[in-house]
């Protein structure tokens, strides 16, 4: 049976803007707030306007309460209202009220109450009354915020964003299936693991990093290396990322530093039900992408951590992702015919290398990894106007070679470059730039051209990801995690093929809607049948092999 998607759950697609709800009175505003009946413990089927809907909906899911109706998330709409603008107050409810000049309760008192609630598992009668009063005050403040934002809300795109928040809440509540015993064992031995890894590194001695050794290696092998304002060698993640592909010692050092940071942190949490959960924090970046915790969200941690992902017996996981999503979006939006043709090739980055006579026709990812890395860096870097000096640094070429490569890109893809310039000019003239589904970035004198060039690819990529989540969730696919341009899904083993087919249909449909009919490519990268563990790449496996003896488990 061919997979199908449910009736379009996206209000922007199915609901004309002229039909969007309007209210000019306080009662109209209040009707947009759902009422929770303490007797029936069910919500009225009406629109609902929380602040960070994933928090409230997560509570609903935990308590088994149902929710129906549209969601208008005021956190998301406040972010849209201020995205790109200076906001010294932050994006909390108190910050939003302060930014808009709405009198609110004492911030310090709110923080003390939040700390008391988080630290307690039971409350006295007096504390219960205080908590209820605190929650009631938040409702009153949210109502004031709704009244202020109502006239400027972009209906019905705002409801599409709210719909995604309901999907995000379900994803957060469901979590990722993991090997609980393995994660707990890793937490127990992390100090021993860190000591052992340091002892095996040429750059450490007696548990301490010897910067002189790092500097000696760099001076022997690299003519240039970025420095800090104080003249010291830069050893941040971005700098190490630049040199790691061309220097095995730096690559190992980078993996070690990432692993040590992971072991020092709080780490991935595993619930007793065998699920790891973390907040996705949707719309937290300027481009509207999720920004989950880099220590708690398992796909944002070091890659060897993914080895702990494990579906239960009778269940399977699949990881699907878009192929070269940013390149495909650039090709679609710019209308560059040659770039579209390149994107359709099996490996677009190697095809670019062949077009530029930088690799032979028979080149593969295995036979020409360096050439592929150079042309991939260029193909993605032009999206945010990477200059010759930066390209030279990232690809370990001379400045003249990098300039020649950028010039060649301009010659091969002139329509893309003309479109990219128009993007900047239009954004500067209008004072804002938007995705087709309405996510805005306000433009000021401080907004960099590189940000404006890259925004269409990143922000429209985020729109596509959100629509996939909406379509697939409505069709019954269980999404465990959205990961930049990919998804981890779960199903009963016998149903995995159907779930994958439905997911692929959702990915097709989402990209076609955002990109005016242009369909992005996608692939199934990983399939895991329980109780097998998630596979990891060779680099991550190298670190994992060093960790395994401490775990006393053959995984």
Protein backbone atom coordinates (compact mmCIF):
# COMPACT_ATOMS: atom_id res chain seq x y z
CA UNK A 1 0.00 0.00 0.00
CA UNK A 2 1.39 3.38 -0.99
CA UNK A 3 2.16 5.65 1.98
CA UNK A 4 -0.02 8.74 2.28
CA UNK A 5 -0.01 11.82 4.44
CA UNK A 6 -2.95 13.00 6.49
CA UNK A 7 -5.07 16.03 5.61
CA UNK A 8 -2.71 18.98 5.39
CA UNK A 9 -1.99 20.02 8.99
CA UNK A 10 -0.23 23.19 7.92
CA UNK A 11 -2.52 26.22 8.31
CA UNK A 12 -0.32 28.38 6.07
CA UNK A 13 -0.96 26.00 3.20
CA UNK A 14 -4.64 25.31 3.79
CA UNK A 15 -5.96 28.41 5.54
CA UNK A 16 -6.21 31.70 3.56
CA UNK A 17 -4.83 34.66 5.44
CA UNK A 18 -8.15 36.50 5.12
CA UNK A 19 -9.69 33.81 7.33
CA UNK A 20 -7.16 34.28 10.14
CA UNK A 21 -8.63 34.91 13.60
CA UNK A 22 -8.91 38.48 14.78
CA UNK A 23 -9.86 40.04 18.10
CA UNK A 24 -10.25 43.64 19.12
CA UNK A 25 -11.43 43.15 22.69
CA UNK A 26 -9.98 41.69 25.85
CA UNK A 27 -12.52 38.87 25.68
CA UNK A 28 -11.30 38.03 22.21
CA UNK A 29 -7.76 37.87 23.50
CA UNK A 30 -8.75 35.76 26.49
CA UNK A 31 -10.58 33.29 24.26
CA UNK A 32 -7.22 32.49 22.68
CA UNK A 33 -6.03 31.14 26.04
CA UNK A 34 -7.04 27.57 26.75
CA UNK A 35 -8.75 26.79 30.04
CA UNK A 36 -7.60 23.75 31.98
CA UNK A 37 -10.49 22.11 33.83
CA UNK A 38 -9.29 20.66 37.11
CA UNK A 39 -12.34 18.39 37.19
CA UNK A 40 -12.23 16.89 33.71
CA UNK A 41 -8.48 17.37 33.18
CA UNK A 42 -9.06 17.99 29.51
CA UNK A 43 -8.60 21.12 27.44
CA UNK A 44 -11.26 22.95 25.52
CA UNK A 45 -10.90 22.69 21.76
CA UNK A 46 -9.82 26.24 21.09
CA UNK A 47 -6.71 28.16 20.26
CA UNK A 48 -4.13 28.32 23.02
CA UNK A 49 -1.36 30.85 23.64
CA UNK A 50 1.35 29.64 26.03
CA UNK A 51 4.90 30.94 26.39
CA UNK A 52 7.24 28.10 25.29
CA UNK A 53 4.53 25.60 24.45
CA UNK A 54 6.86 22.59 24.69
CA UNK A 55 7.05 23.05 28.47
CA UNK A 56 3.28 23.07 29.00
CA UNK A 57 2.63 20.35 26.46
CA UNK A 58 5.36 18.21 27.99
CA UNK A 59 3.45 18.42 31.27
CA UNK A 60 0.21 17.51 29.48
CA UNK A 61 1.86 14.45 27.95
CA UNK A 62 3.33 13.34 31.28
CA UNK A 63 -0.06 13.66 33.01
CA UNK A 64 -1.98 12.01 30.17
CA UNK A 65 -4.01 15.12 29.37
CA UNK A 66 -5.18 15.73 25.83
CA UNK A 67 -4.78 18.90 23.83
CA UNK A 68 -6.69 19.99 20.74
CA UNK A 69 -6.82 23.20 18.78
CA UNK A 70 -4.31 25.63 17.37
CA UNK A 71 -1.25 26.72 19.36
CA UNK A 72 0.07 30.26 19.24
CA UNK A 73 3.41 30.21 21.05
CA UNK A 74 4.19 33.70 22.36
CA UNK A 75 7.83 32.84 22.97
CA UNK A 76 8.21 32.04 19.28
CA UNK A 77 6.30 35.13 18.18
CA UNK A 78 8.33 37.37 20.47
CA UNK A 79 11.48 35.86 18.97
CA UNK A 80 10.11 36.63 15.51
CA UNK A 81 9.32 40.20 16.59
CA UNK A 82 12.87 40.82 17.86
CA UNK A 83 15.03 38.45 15.79
CA UNK A 84 18.14 40.34 14.74
CA UNK A 85 17.45 43.35 16.96
CA UNK A 86 19.30 44.31 20.14
CA UNK A 87 17.49 42.83 23.12
CA UNK A 88 19.23 43.39 26.46
CA UNK A 89 16.38 41.76 28.40
CA UNK A 90 16.59 38.24 26.98
CA UNK A 91 13.85 35.97 25.67
CA UNK A 92 12.21 34.78 28.88
CA UNK A 93 8.66 35.85 29.71
CA UNK A 94 10.04 38.52 32.04
CA UNK A 95 12.48 39.63 29.35
CA UNK A 96 9.71 39.89 26.74
CA UNK A 97 7.58 41.97 29.09
CA UNK A 98 10.49 44.27 29.92
CA UNK A 99 11.40 44.69 26.24
CA UNK A 100 7.83 45.74 25.44
CA UNK A 101 7.58 48.02 28.47
CA UNK A 102 4.92 45.95 30.23
CA UNK A 103 5.09 46.13 34.05
CA UNK A 104 5.68 42.70 35.54
CA UNK A 105 6.47 41.00 38.82
CA UNK A 106 9.89 41.07 40.44
CA UNK A 107 12.36 39.00 38.41
CA UNK A 108 14.42 37.98 41.45
CA UNK A 109 11.27 36.78 43.26
CA UNK A 110 10.30 34.73 40.19
CA UNK A 111 13.74 33.15 40.06
CA UNK A 112 13.57 32.23 43.76
CA UNK A 113 10.17 30.63 43.24
CA UNK A 114 11.44 28.69 40.22
CA UNK A 115 14.40 27.39 42.22
CA UNK A 116 12.10 26.36 45.07
CA UNK A 117 9.78 24.47 42.70
CA UNK A 118 12.67 22.72 40.94
CA UNK A 119 14.29 21.66 44.22
CA UNK A 120 11.14 20.27 45.87
CA UNK A 121 9.26 17.03 45.39
CA UNK A 122 6.52 17.84 47.91
CA UNK A 123 5.02 21.10 49.15
CA UNK A 124 3.35 22.39 52.27
CA UNK A 125 -0.08 23.99 52.03
CA UNK A 126 1.53 27.42 52.23
CA UNK A 127 3.97 26.53 49.44
CA UNK A 128 1.14 25.17 47.29
CA UNK A 129 -0.73 28.46 47.58
CA UNK A 130 2.46 30.35 46.71
CA UNK A 131 3.07 28.16 43.65
CA UNK A 132 -0.52 28.59 42.45
CA UNK A 133 -0.26 32.36 42.91
CA UNK A 134 3.02 32.34 40.98
CA UNK A 135 1.42 30.35 38.11
CA UNK A 136 -1.65 32.62 38.08
CA UNK A 137 0.59 35.68 37.84
CA UNK A 138 2.38 34.09 34.87
CA UNK A 139 -0.99 33.57 33.15
CA UNK A 140 -1.88 37.23 33.73
CA UNK A 141 1.48 38.34 32.34
CA UNK A 142 1.11 36.03 29.33
CA UNK A 143 -2.31 37.58 28.65
CA UNK A 144 -0.76 41.06 28.69
CA UNK A 145 1.95 39.89 26.30
CA UNK A 146 -0.65 38.38 23.97
CA UNK A 147 -2.62 41.64 23.88
CA UNK A 148 0.53 43.58 22.95
CA UNK A 149 1.72 41.14 20.28
CA UNK A 150 -1.71 40.38 18.78
CA UNK A 151 -1.83 43.22 16.19
CA UNK A 152 1.57 42.31 14.73
CA UNK A 153 1.29 38.50 14.67
CA UNK A 154 1.76 37.03 11.20
CA UNK A 155 -1.37 34.89 10.85
CA UNK A 156 -1.57 32.04 10.01
CA UNK A 157 2.16 31.37 9.71
CA UNK A 158 2.31 31.80 13.47
CA UNK A 159 -0.03 28.83 13.84
CA UNK A 160 2.24 26.71 11.66
CA UNK A 161 5.07 27.57 14.03
CA UNK A 162 2.82 26.70 16.94
CA UNK A 163 1.94 23.39 15.31
CA UNK A 164 5.64 22.57 15.13
CA UNK A 165 5.95 23.29 18.86
CA UNK A 166 3.35 20.58 19.55
CA UNK A 167 5.43 18.17 17.47
CA UNK A 168 8.59 19.22 19.29
CA UNK A 169 6.89 18.54 22.63
CA UNK A 170 6.04 15.00 21.53
CA UNK A 171 9.59 14.45 20.27
CA UNK A 172 11.06 15.70 23.55
CA UNK A 173 8.69 13.56 25.60
CA UNK A 174 9.40 10.43 23.56
CA UNK A 175 13.17 10.81 23.59
CA UNK A 176 15.79 8.53 22.07
CA UNK A 177 16.03 4.85 23.06
CA UNK A 178 19.34 4.19 24.79
CA UNK A 179 21.28 1.54 26.68
CA UNK A 180 20.63 2.79 30.22
CA UNK A 181 23.18 0.52 31.86
CA UNK A 182 25.85 1.66 29.43
CA UNK A 183 25.20 5.36 30.02
CA UNK A 184 25.16 4.94 33.78
CA UNK A 185 28.36 2.91 33.70
CA UNK A 186 30.02 5.58 31.58
CA UNK A 187 29.04 8.22 34.15
CA UNK A 188 30.67 6.12 36.87
CA UNK A 189 34.01 5.69 35.10
CA UNK A 190 34.34 9.03 33.29
CA UNK A 191 37.17 10.28 35.51
CA UNK A 192 39.17 7.08 34.90
CA UNK A 193 38.44 7.33 31.18
CA UNK A 194 39.61 10.95 31.07
CA UNK A 195 42.85 10.08 32.88
CA UNK A 196 43.55 7.20 30.52
CA UNK A 197 42.89 9.26 27.39
CA UNK A 198 45.19 12.02 28.61
CA UNK A 199 47.93 9.50 29.38
CA UNK A 200 47.78 8.19 25.79
CA UNK A 201 48.16 11.67 24.25
CA UNK A 202 51.50 13.14 23.29
CA UNK A 203 50.24 16.57 24.33
CA UNK A 204 49.49 15.68 27.97
CA UNK A 205 51.75 14.83 30.89
CA UNK A 206 50.57 13.76 34.36
CA UNK A 207 47.04 14.74 33.43
CA UNK A 208 47.90 18.26 32.33
CA UNK A 209 47.93 19.77 28.83
CA UNK A 210 51.43 20.86 27.82
CA UNK A 211 50.82 23.83 25.55
CA UNK A 212 54.49 23.93 24.58
CA UNK A 213 54.16 20.52 22.94
CA UNK A 214 51.08 21.62 21.01
CA UNK A 215 52.91 24.77 19.91
CA UNK A 216 56.01 22.83 18.83
CA UNK A 217 53.89 20.51 16.68
CA UNK A 218 52.08 23.43 15.08
CA UNK A 219 55.29 25.33 14.30
CA UNK A 220 56.85 22.21 12.76
CA UNK A 221 53.88 21.43 10.52
CA UNK A 222 52.05 24.69 9.78
CA UNK A 223 53.51 27.90 8.40
CA UNK A 224 50.48 29.89 9.58
CA UNK A 225 48.14 29.41 12.52
CA UNK A 226 45.55 31.85 13.88
CA UNK A 227 46.45 33.71 17.07
CA UNK A 228 44.37 35.15 19.89
CA UNK A 229 44.38 38.94 20.51
CA UNK A 230 47.10 38.32 23.11
CA UNK A 231 49.29 36.49 20.60
CA UNK A 232 48.69 32.93 21.76
CA UNK A 233 47.83 30.03 19.47
CA UNK A 234 44.09 29.63 18.99
CA UNK A 235 42.98 26.16 20.05
CA UNK A 236 39.20 26.57 19.92
CA UNK A 237 36.99 24.00 18.20
CA UNK A 238 36.60 26.02 14.98
CA UNK A 239 40.36 26.41 14.57
CA UNK A 240 41.04 22.74 15.27
CA UNK A 241 38.23 21.84 12.84
CA UNK A 242 40.04 23.78 10.13
CA UNK A 243 43.29 21.83 10.43
CA UNK A 244 42.01 18.42 11.53
CA UNK A 245 41.32 17.09 7.99
CA UNK A 246 44.95 17.71 7.00
CA UNK A 247 46.81 16.81 10.20
CA UNK A 248 46.19 13.48 11.95
CA UNK A 249 47.79 14.64 15.21
CA UNK A 250 45.57 17.72 15.34
CA UNK A 251 42.58 15.56 14.43
CA UNK A 252 43.31 13.24 17.38
CA UNK A 253 43.88 16.23 19.67
CA UNK A 254 40.54 17.72 18.61
CA UNK A 255 38.69 14.46 19.34
CA UNK A 256 40.42 14.23 22.71
CA UNK A 257 39.47 17.78 23.69
CA UNK A 258 35.85 17.18 22.67
CA UNK A 259 35.77 13.93 24.63
CA UNK A 260 37.27 15.50 27.75
CA UNK A 261 34.73 18.33 27.58
CA UNK A 262 31.95 15.76 27.27
CA UNK A 263 33.25 13.79 30.25
CA UNK A 264 33.49 16.94 32.38
CA UNK A 265 29.89 17.94 31.64
CA UNK A 266 26.66 16.70 33.11
CA UNK A 267 26.36 14.18 30.30
CA UNK A 268 23.50 12.52 28.48
CA UNK A 269 20.69 11.54 30.85
CA UNK A 270 19.05 8.14 30.63
CA UNK A 271 15.61 7.64 32.12
CA UNK A 272 14.58 4.40 33.83
CA UNK A 273 12.29 3.74 30.86
CA UNK A 274 15.29 3.49 28.53
CA UNK A 275 14.87 6.89 26.88
CA UNK A 276 17.21 9.88 26.78
CA UNK A 277 15.43 13.23 26.70
CA UNK A 278 16.52 16.81 26.13
CA UNK A 279 14.79 20.05 25.20
CA UNK A 280 15.13 20.96 21.53
CA UNK A 281 14.73 24.74 22.09
CA UNK A 282 13.11 25.45 18.72
CA UNK A 283 13.49 28.91 17.16
CA UNK A 284 16.38 29.78 19.47
CA UNK A 285 18.80 30.60 16.65
CA UNK A 286 18.49 33.56 14.30
CA UNK A 287 17.67 31.19 11.46
CA UNK A 288 14.93 29.51 13.49
CA UNK A 289 16.78 26.24 13.86
CA UNK A 290 16.66 24.21 17.06
CA UNK A 291 19.43 24.76 19.58
CA UNK A 292 19.41 21.79 21.96
CA UNK A 293 21.94 21.39 24.76
CA UNK A 294 25.35 20.30 23.50
CA UNK A 295 25.79 18.17 26.63
CA UNK A 296 22.33 16.61 27.07
CA UNK A 297 21.02 16.07 23.51
CA UNK A 298 22.76 12.90 22.38
CA UNK A 299 23.13 13.99 18.74
CA UNK A 300 24.77 17.27 19.81
CA UNK A 301 27.45 15.53 21.87
CA UNK A 302 30.60 13.81 20.65
CA UNK A 303 29.84 11.19 18.02
CA UNK A 304 31.06 8.24 20.05
CA UNK A 305 28.20 8.91 22.48
CA UNK A 306 25.77 7.74 19.79
CA UNK A 307 27.02 4.22 20.42
CA UNK A 308 24.72 4.24 23.45
CA UNK A 309 21.62 4.55 21.24
CA UNK A 310 19.84 1.20 21.28
CA UNK A 311 16.31 0.28 20.17
CA UNK A 312 14.57 -2.39 22.19
CA UNK A 313 13.92 -5.90 20.98
CA UNK A 314 11.30 -5.87 18.22
CA UNK A 315 11.87 -2.20 17.41
CA UNK A 316 14.11 -0.51 14.86
CA UNK A 317 15.58 2.90 14.17
CA UNK A 318 16.32 4.65 10.89
CA UNK A 319 18.28 7.82 10.31
CA UNK A 320 17.26 9.77 7.20
CA UNK A 321 18.76 13.02 6.06
CA UNK A 322 18.65 15.47 3.20
CA UNK A 323 21.57 15.24 0.78
CA UNK A 324 23.59 18.48 0.75
CA UNK A 325 20.53 20.40 1.95
CA UNK A 326 22.12 23.86 1.90
CA UNK A 327 23.50 23.40 -1.61
CA UNK A 328 20.13 22.17 -2.87
CA UNK A 329 18.31 25.14 -1.32
CA UNK A 330 20.82 27.56 -2.87
CA UNK A 331 20.29 25.95 -6.27
CA UNK A 332 16.50 26.09 -5.95
CA UNK A 333 16.23 29.67 -4.68
CA UNK A 334 18.79 31.11 -7.09
CA UNK A 335 17.45 29.23 -10.11
CA UNK A 336 21.01 28.55 -11.24
CA UNK A 337 20.58 25.78 -13.83
CA UNK A 338 24.16 24.55 -13.63
CA UNK A 339 24.03 24.41 -9.82
CA UNK A 340 20.76 22.48 -10.00
CA UNK A 341 22.36 20.00 -12.37
CA UNK A 342 25.37 19.65 -10.05
CA UNK A 343 23.09 19.04 -7.07
CA UNK A 344 21.41 16.14 -8.85
CA UNK A 345 24.69 14.25 -9.20
CA UNK A 346 25.49 11.37 -6.87
CA UNK A 347 28.16 13.45 -5.11
CA UNK A 348 27.66 17.18 -5.86
CA UNK A 349 30.95 18.23 -4.28
CA UNK A 350 33.01 15.84 -6.36
CA UNK A 351 31.04 16.92 -9.42
CA UNK A 352 32.06 20.51 -8.66
CA UNK A 353 35.67 19.32 -8.47
CA UNK A 354 35.32 17.63 -11.86
CA UNK A 355 33.69 20.72 -13.40
CA UNK A 356 36.63 22.79 -12.13
CA UNK A 357 39.18 20.23 -13.43
CA UNK A 358 40.21 19.61 -9.84
CA UNK A 359 39.51 15.87 -9.94
CA UNK A 360 39.38 13.21 -12.68
CA UNK A 361 36.08 11.88 -14.00
CA UNK A 362 36.52 8.59 -12.13
CA UNK A 363 37.21 10.26 -8.77
CA UNK A 364 35.34 8.98 -5.70
CA UNK A 365 35.04 10.05 -2.08
CA UNK A 366 37.54 7.31 -1.19
CA UNK A 367 40.07 7.97 -3.96
CA UNK A 368 40.09 11.79 -3.71
CA UNK A 369 39.05 12.79 -0.16
CA UNK A 370 41.23 15.91 -0.06
CA UNK A 371 39.92 17.27 -3.36
CA UNK A 372 36.36 16.62 -2.28
CA UNK A 373 36.95 18.39 1.04
CA UNK A 374 38.38 21.46 -0.73
CA UNK A 375 35.50 21.83 -3.18
CA UNK A 376 32.89 21.08 -0.53
CA UNK A 377 34.33 23.83 1.67
CA UNK A 378 34.16 26.23 -1.26
CA UNK A 379 30.62 25.22 -2.31
CA UNK A 380 29.28 25.78 1.21
CA UNK A 381 31.49 28.72 2.07
CA UNK A 382 30.21 30.89 -0.76
CA UNK A 383 26.77 30.74 0.88
CA UNK A 384 28.08 33.19 3.46
CA UNK A 385 30.68 34.92 1.26
CA UNK A 386 33.75 33.16 2.59
CA UNK A 387 36.78 35.16 1.52
CA UNK A 388 39.96 33.90 -0.12
CA UNK A 389 42.01 34.12 3.08
CA UNK A 390 39.52 32.03 5.07
CA UNK A 391 39.11 29.54 2.23
CA UNK A 392 42.88 29.21 1.96
CA UNK A 393 43.11 28.55 5.70
CA UNK A 394 40.31 26.00 5.75
CA UNK A 395 41.56 24.12 2.70
CA UNK A 396 45.30 24.46 3.38
CA UNK A 397 45.90 26.21 0.07
CA UNK A 398 47.71 29.40 -0.84
CA UNK A 399 45.74 32.64 -1.02
CA UNK A 400 46.18 32.75 -4.80
CA UNK A 401 44.82 29.20 -5.17
CA UNK A 402 41.82 30.08 -3.02
CA UNK A 403 41.12 33.26 -5.01
CA UNK A 404 41.31 31.30 -8.24
CA UNK A 405 38.82 28.75 -6.88
CA UNK A 406 36.36 31.46 -5.84
CA UNK A 407 36.70 33.14 -9.24
CA UNK A 408 36.02 29.82 -10.91
CA UNK A 409 32.89 29.36 -8.79
CA UNK A 410 31.64 32.77 -9.95
CA UNK A 411 32.24 31.80 -13.57
CA UNK A 412 30.50 28.43 -13.24
CA UNK A 413 27.47 29.71 -11.28
CA UNK A 414 26.81 33.34 -12.27
CA UNK A 415 23.06 33.15 -11.60
CA UNK A 416 23.70 32.09 -8.02
CA UNK A 417 26.03 35.04 -7.43
CA UNK A 418 23.61 37.55 -8.95
CA UNK A 419 20.82 36.18 -6.78
CA UNK A 420 23.02 36.29 -3.67
CA UNK A 421 23.76 39.98 -4.27
CA UNK A 422 20.05 40.69 -4.72
CA UNK A 423 19.33 39.00 -1.40
CA UNK A 424 21.63 41.44 0.41
CA UNK A 425 20.36 44.50 -1.44
CA UNK A 426 16.71 43.62 -0.85
CA UNK A 427 17.29 42.90 2.84
CA UNK A 428 19.11 46.22 3.34
CA UNK A 429 16.41 48.19 1.53
CA UNK A 430 13.51 46.49 3.32
CA UNK A 431 15.15 46.33 6.73
CA UNK A 432 14.29 42.64 7.02
CA UNK A 433 14.57 39.30 5.30
CA UNK A 434 12.03 36.44 5.51
CA UNK A 435 11.67 32.82 4.57
CA UNK A 436 8.73 31.88 2.36
CA UNK A 437 6.96 30.69 5.51
CA UNK A 438 7.54 33.97 7.27
CA UNK A 439 10.42 33.50 9.70
CA UNK A 440 12.01 36.98 9.81
CA UNK A 441 15.41 38.45 10.48
CA UNK A 442 15.39 42.18 11.15
CA UNK A 443 18.30 43.97 9.51
CA UNK A 444 20.28 46.73 11.22
CA UNK A 445 23.55 48.47 10.49
CA UNK A 446 25.26 45.80 12.61
CA UNK A 447 23.88 42.92 10.53
CA UNK A 448 26.72 41.41 8.52
CA UNK A 449 26.44 40.65 4.82
CA UNK A 450 27.64 37.11 5.53
CA UNK A 451 24.60 36.62 7.78
CA UNK A 452 22.25 37.86 5.07
CA UNK A 453 23.81 35.68 2.38
CA UNK A 454 23.53 32.56 4.49
CA UNK A 455 20.08 33.23 5.95
CA UNK A 456 18.01 31.93 2.97
CA UNK A 457 19.73 28.54 3.04
CA UNK A 458 19.76 28.02 6.79
CA UNK A 459 16.35 29.52 7.59
CA UNK A 460 14.52 27.82 4.72
CA UNK A 461 16.27 24.61 5.71
CA UNK A 462 14.77 25.07 9.17
CA UNK A 463 11.33 25.63 7.64
CA UNK A 464 11.64 22.39 5.70
CA UNK A 465 12.64 20.49 8.81
CA UNK A 466 9.66 21.83 10.75
CA UNK A 467 7.19 20.91 8.00
CA UNK A 468 8.63 17.40 7.78
CA UNK A 469 8.06 17.00 11.52
CA UNK A 470 4.47 18.23 11.18
CA UNK A 471 3.60 16.06 8.18
CA UNK A 472 5.32 12.91 9.46
CA UNK A 473 3.97 13.25 13.00
CA UNK A 474 0.43 13.73 11.70
CA UNK A 475 0.91 10.59 9.60
CA UNK A 476 1.87 8.58 12.69
CA UNK A 477 5.66 8.42 12.30
CA UNK A 478 7.49 8.45 15.62
CA UNK A 479 10.34 10.95 15.35
CA UNK A 480 12.96 10.52 18.06
CA UNK A 481 15.15 13.45 17.08
CA UNK A 482 15.50 16.10 14.37
CA UNK A 483 19.23 16.66 13.75
CA UNK A 484 20.04 19.77 11.66
CA UNK A 485 19.10 18.23 8.27
CA UNK A 486 18.23 14.70 9.35
CA UNK A 487 15.79 12.67 11.46
CA UNK A 488 16.00 9.64 13.70
CA UNK A 489 12.74 7.68 13.57
CA UNK A 490 11.55 4.57 15.40
CA UNK A 491 8.96 1.89 14.76
CA UNK A 492 8.20 -1.75 15.27
CA UNK A 493 10.70 -3.68 13.17
CA UNK A 494 8.04 -5.03 10.83
CA UNK A 495 6.68 -1.53 10.20
CA UNK A 496 9.99 0.23 9.58
CA UNK A 497 9.72 0.10 5.79
CA UNK A 498 6.34 1.81 5.87
CA UNK A 499 7.61 4.44 8.34
CA UNK A 500 10.60 5.20 6.11
CA UNK A 501 8.38 5.52 3.04
CA UNK A 502 6.05 7.90 4.86
CA UNK A 503 9.00 9.91 6.11
CA UNK A 504 10.42 10.20 2.60
CA UNK A 505 7.05 11.39 1.34
CA UNK A 506 6.98 14.04 4.07
CA UNK A 507 10.51 15.16 3.16
CA UNK A 508 9.53 15.48 -0.51
CA UNK A 509 6.40 17.41 0.27
CA UNK A 510 8.08 19.81 2.72
CA UNK A 511 10.90 20.73 0.36
CA UNK A 512 8.49 21.21 -2.54
CA UNK A 513 6.32 23.57 -0.48
CA UNK A 514 9.19 25.72 0.73
CA UNK A 515 11.13 25.70 -2.55
CA UNK A 516 8.23 26.26 -4.97
CA UNK A 517 8.11 22.73 -6.31
CA UNK A 518 11.83 21.89 -6.12
CA UNK A 519 12.40 18.52 -4.43
CA UNK A 520 15.50 18.02 -2.31
CA UNK A 521 17.24 14.68 -2.34
CA UNK A 522 17.36 12.50 0.76
CA UNK A 523 18.81 9.19 1.81
CA UNK A 524 18.54 6.55 4.53
CA UNK A 525 21.94 6.64 6.24
CA UNK A 526 21.47 4.15 9.08
CA UNK A 527 19.10 1.33 10.01
CA UNK A 528 19.42 -0.32 13.43
CA UNK A 529 17.36 -3.33 14.55
CA UNK A 530 17.03 -3.78 18.29
CA UNK A 531 18.79 -4.64 20.44
CA UNK A 532 21.79 -3.66 18.34
CA UNK A 533 23.65 -0.44 19.16
CA UNK A 534 23.88 2.55 16.83
CA UNK A 535 26.88 2.40 14.45
CA UNK A 536 29.47 5.17 14.53
CA UNK A 537 32.19 6.24 12.09
CA UNK A 538 35.82 5.16 12.17
CA UNK A 539 37.09 8.29 13.94
CA UNK A 540 34.50 8.00 16.70
CA UNK A 541 35.06 4.25 16.92
CA UNK A 542 38.75 4.86 17.60
CA UNK A 543 37.84 6.79 20.75
CA UNK A 544 35.14 4.29 21.66
CA UNK A 545 37.66 1.44 21.60
CA UNK A 546 39.73 3.32 24.16
CA UNK A 547 36.66 3.73 26.38
CA UNK A 548 35.32 0.17 26.08
CA UNK A 549 37.73 -1.52 28.56
CA UNK A 550 36.39 0.72 31.33
CA UNK A 551 32.78 -0.21 30.63
CA UNK A 552 33.20 -3.95 31.16
CA UNK A 553 30.66 -4.60 28.44
CA UNK A 554 31.00 -5.93 24.93
CA UNK A 555 28.99 -3.39 22.91
